[in-house]
């Protein structure tokens, strides 16, 4: 899955426009960082992007990670 599709999927669960902007920016930054590190390890750009998205997990998995880090729910925000 490409990162833009992943971000669209996650964003579709977030009701608050303000929260959506913040969360999208945060996720983009994390995906970019992960992709950059994977490219340095020898992955192609496409492979690195795909792997970075897979490592993020599903929107529900991401919601659990986000909640444990911030104390706030991601989905339904």
N, C-alpha and C. Protein backbone atom coordinates (compact mmCIF):
# COMPACT_ATOMS: atom_id res chain seq x y z
N UNK A 1 0.86 -1.18 0.00
CA UNK A 1 0.00 0.00 0.00
C UNK A 1 0.90 1.24 0.00
N UNK A 2 0.57 2.17 -0.82
CA UNK A 2 1.31 3.43 -0.88
C UNK A 2 0.94 4.29 0.33
N UNK A 3 1.87 5.15 0.72
CA UNK A 3 1.64 5.95 1.92
C UNK A 3 0.42 6.87 1.79
N UNK A 4 0.17 7.41 0.60
CA UNK A 4 -0.99 8.30 0.46
C UNK A 4 -2.29 7.52 0.65
N UNK A 5 -2.36 6.28 0.21
CA UNK A 5 -3.56 5.47 0.43
C UNK A 5 -3.73 5.14 1.92
N UNK A 6 -2.61 4.84 2.56
CA UNK A 6 -2.64 4.56 3.99
C UNK A 6 -3.14 5.77 4.77
N UNK A 7 -2.60 6.94 4.45
CA UNK A 7 -3.02 8.16 5.15
C UNK A 7 -4.50 8.46 4.90
N UNK A 8 -4.96 8.24 3.68
CA UNK A 8 -6.37 8.44 3.37
C UNK A 8 -7.25 7.50 4.19
N UNK A 9 -6.81 6.24 4.31
CA UNK A 9 -7.58 5.26 5.07
C UNK A 9 -7.66 5.65 6.55
N UNK A 10 -6.52 6.00 7.13
CA UNK A 10 -6.51 6.40 8.54
C UNK A 10 -7.36 7.66 8.73
N UNK A 11 -7.20 8.63 7.83
CA UNK A 11 -7.94 9.89 7.95
C UNK A 11 -9.45 9.69 7.86
N UNK A 12 -9.87 8.67 7.15
CA UNK A 12 -11.30 8.43 7.00
C UNK A 12 -11.98 8.09 8.32
N UNK A 13 -11.19 7.66 9.31
CA UNK A 13 -11.74 7.32 10.62
C UNK A 13 -11.77 8.52 11.58
N UNK A 14 -11.12 9.61 11.22
CA UNK A 14 -10.98 10.74 12.14
C UNK A 14 -12.02 11.80 11.80
N UNK A 15 -12.84 12.14 12.77
CA UNK A 15 -13.92 13.09 12.53
C UNK A 15 -13.49 14.55 12.62
N UNK A 16 -12.65 14.86 13.56
CA UNK A 16 -12.23 16.25 13.79
C UNK A 16 -11.28 16.71 12.69
N UNK A 17 -11.63 17.82 12.02
CA UNK A 17 -10.76 18.35 10.97
C UNK A 17 -9.42 18.79 11.54
N UNK A 18 -9.45 19.39 12.71
CA UNK A 18 -8.21 19.86 13.34
C UNK A 18 -7.32 18.67 13.70
N UNK A 19 -7.90 17.65 14.30
CA UNK A 19 -7.14 16.45 14.66
C UNK A 19 -6.62 15.76 13.41
N UNK A 20 -7.42 15.73 12.37
CA UNK A 20 -7.04 15.07 11.12
C UNK A 20 -5.78 15.71 10.54
N UNK A 21 -5.72 17.04 10.51
CA UNK A 21 -4.54 17.73 9.97
C UNK A 21 -3.29 17.40 10.78
N UNK A 22 -3.43 17.45 12.10
CA UNK A 22 -2.30 17.17 12.98
C UNK A 22 -1.82 15.73 12.82
N UNK A 23 -2.75 14.80 12.83
CA UNK A 23 -2.41 13.38 12.76
C UNK A 23 -1.81 13.04 11.40
N UNK A 24 -2.36 13.59 10.34
CA UNK A 24 -1.80 13.35 9.01
C UNK A 24 -0.35 13.84 8.93
N UNK A 25 -0.09 15.01 9.47
CA UNK A 25 1.27 15.56 9.46
C UNK A 25 2.21 14.69 10.27
N UNK A 26 1.76 14.24 11.41
CA UNK A 26 2.57 13.38 12.28
C UNK A 26 2.88 12.05 11.59
N UNK A 27 1.87 11.44 10.98
CA UNK A 27 2.07 10.17 10.30
C UNK A 27 2.98 10.32 9.08
N UNK A 28 2.80 11.40 8.34
CA UNK A 28 3.67 11.65 7.17
C UNK A 28 5.13 11.74 7.60
N UNK A 29 5.37 12.43 8.70
CA UNK A 29 6.74 12.58 9.20
C UNK A 29 7.32 11.22 9.59
N UNK A 30 6.54 10.40 10.29
CA UNK A 30 7.01 9.08 10.69
C UNK A 30 7.27 8.19 9.48
N UNK A 31 6.36 8.22 8.51
CA UNK A 31 6.54 7.41 7.31
C UNK A 31 7.78 7.86 6.52
N UNK A 32 7.97 9.16 6.42
CA UNK A 32 9.15 9.69 5.72
C UNK A 32 10.43 9.24 6.40
N UNK A 33 10.47 9.34 7.71
CA UNK A 33 11.66 8.93 8.47
C UNK A 33 11.92 7.44 8.29
N UNK A 34 10.88 6.62 8.40
CA UNK A 34 11.05 5.18 8.25
C UNK A 34 11.52 4.83 6.84
N UNK A 35 10.93 5.47 5.85
CA UNK A 35 11.30 5.22 4.46
C UNK A 35 12.77 5.60 4.22
N UNK A 36 13.17 6.74 4.73
CA UNK A 36 14.55 7.20 4.57
C UNK A 36 15.54 6.20 5.18
N UNK A 37 15.23 5.71 6.36
CA UNK A 37 16.10 4.74 7.02
C UNK A 37 16.17 3.44 6.23
N UNK A 38 15.05 3.00 5.66
CA UNK A 38 15.03 1.76 4.89
C UNK A 38 15.81 1.90 3.58
N UNK A 39 15.72 3.06 2.96
CA UNK A 39 16.49 3.31 1.74
C UNK A 39 17.99 3.25 2.06
N UNK A 40 18.38 3.81 3.19
CA UNK A 40 19.78 3.75 3.61
C UNK A 40 20.26 2.32 3.83
N UNK A 41 19.31 1.43 4.17
CA UNK A 41 19.65 0.02 4.38
C UNK A 41 19.67 -0.77 3.08
N UNK A 42 19.35 -0.10 1.96
CA UNK A 42 19.46 -0.76 0.67
C UNK A 42 18.16 -1.08 -0.04
N UNK A 43 17.02 -0.74 0.57
CA UNK A 43 15.74 -0.96 -0.09
C UNK A 43 15.55 0.09 -1.18
N UNK A 44 14.79 -0.26 -2.22
CA UNK A 44 14.43 0.73 -3.22
C UNK A 44 13.41 1.68 -2.60
N UNK A 45 13.17 2.81 -3.25
CA UNK A 45 12.17 3.78 -2.76
C UNK A 45 10.81 3.11 -2.58
N UNK A 46 10.38 2.35 -3.60
CA UNK A 46 9.07 1.70 -3.53
C UNK A 46 9.02 0.64 -2.43
N UNK A 47 10.06 -0.18 -2.34
CA UNK A 47 10.10 -1.20 -1.29
C UNK A 47 10.08 -0.55 0.09
N UNK A 48 10.84 0.50 0.25
CA UNK A 48 10.93 1.19 1.53
C UNK A 48 9.58 1.79 1.93
N UNK A 49 8.90 2.39 0.97
CA UNK A 49 7.59 2.98 1.27
C UNK A 49 6.59 1.90 1.68
N UNK A 50 6.58 0.81 0.92
CA UNK A 50 5.66 -0.31 1.22
C UNK A 50 5.93 -0.88 2.60
N UNK A 51 7.20 -1.09 2.93
CA UNK A 51 7.56 -1.66 4.22
C UNK A 51 7.25 -0.69 5.36
N UNK A 52 7.51 0.59 5.16
CA UNK A 52 7.21 1.59 6.19
C UNK A 52 5.72 1.60 6.51
N UNK A 53 4.89 1.50 5.48
CA UNK A 53 3.43 1.48 5.68
C UNK A 53 3.04 0.20 6.41
N UNK A 54 3.59 -0.94 6.00
CA UNK A 54 3.25 -2.21 6.66
C UNK A 54 3.63 -2.18 8.13
N UNK A 55 4.77 -1.55 8.44
CA UNK A 55 5.22 -1.48 9.84
C UNK A 55 4.28 -0.62 10.69
N UNK A 56 3.60 0.34 10.07
CA UNK A 56 2.63 1.15 10.81
C UNK A 56 1.46 0.30 11.28
N UNK A 57 1.10 -0.70 10.49
CA UNK A 57 -0.02 -1.57 10.85
C UNK A 57 -1.34 -1.03 10.34
N UNK A 58 -2.39 -1.71 10.71
CA UNK A 58 -3.74 -1.31 10.31
C UNK A 58 -4.15 -0.07 11.08
N UNK A 59 -5.20 0.61 10.63
CA UNK A 59 -5.68 1.76 11.40
C UNK A 59 -6.02 1.40 12.85
N UNK A 60 -6.56 0.21 13.09
CA UNK A 60 -6.88 -0.19 14.46
C UNK A 60 -5.62 -0.42 15.29
N UNK A 61 -4.61 -1.02 14.68
CA UNK A 61 -3.33 -1.20 15.38
C UNK A 61 -2.71 0.16 15.67
N UNK A 62 -2.77 1.03 14.70
CA UNK A 62 -2.24 2.38 14.87
C UNK A 62 -2.98 3.12 15.98
N UNK A 63 -4.29 2.92 16.07
CA UNK A 63 -5.09 3.54 17.13
C UNK A 63 -4.60 3.08 18.50
N UNK A 64 -4.33 1.80 18.64
CA UNK A 64 -3.84 1.29 19.93
C UNK A 64 -2.47 1.88 20.27
N UNK A 65 -1.57 1.94 19.28
CA UNK A 65 -0.24 2.53 19.51
C UNK A 65 -0.36 4.00 19.90
N UNK A 66 -1.18 4.74 19.15
CA UNK A 66 -1.37 6.17 19.39
C UNK A 66 -1.92 6.40 20.80
N UNK A 67 -2.93 5.60 21.18
CA UNK A 67 -3.56 5.75 22.49
C UNK A 67 -2.56 5.46 23.60
N UNK A 68 -1.72 4.43 23.43
CA UNK A 68 -0.75 4.11 24.48
C UNK A 68 0.31 5.21 24.62
N UNK A 69 0.63 5.89 23.53
CA UNK A 69 1.64 6.96 23.58
C UNK A 69 1.08 8.29 24.06
N UNK A 70 -0.15 8.59 23.66
CA UNK A 70 -0.70 9.92 23.94
C UNK A 70 -1.81 9.93 24.98
N UNK A 71 -2.38 8.77 25.24
CA UNK A 71 -3.51 8.71 26.17
C UNK A 71 -4.82 9.15 25.53
N UNK A 72 -4.79 9.41 24.21
CA UNK A 72 -5.99 9.85 23.48
C UNK A 72 -6.23 8.91 22.32
N UNK A 73 -7.49 8.64 22.04
CA UNK A 73 -7.85 7.78 20.93
C UNK A 73 -7.60 8.50 19.61
N UNK A 74 -7.13 7.76 18.63
CA UNK A 74 -6.92 8.28 17.28
C UNK A 74 -8.21 8.17 16.48
N UNK A 75 -8.77 6.98 16.44
CA UNK A 75 -9.99 6.74 15.67
C UNK A 75 -11.18 7.22 16.47
N UNK A 76 -12.00 7.99 15.81
CA UNK A 76 -13.17 8.58 16.47
C UNK A 76 -12.88 9.94 17.07
N UNK A 77 -11.65 10.46 16.85
CA UNK A 77 -11.27 11.78 17.39
C UNK A 77 -12.07 12.88 16.76
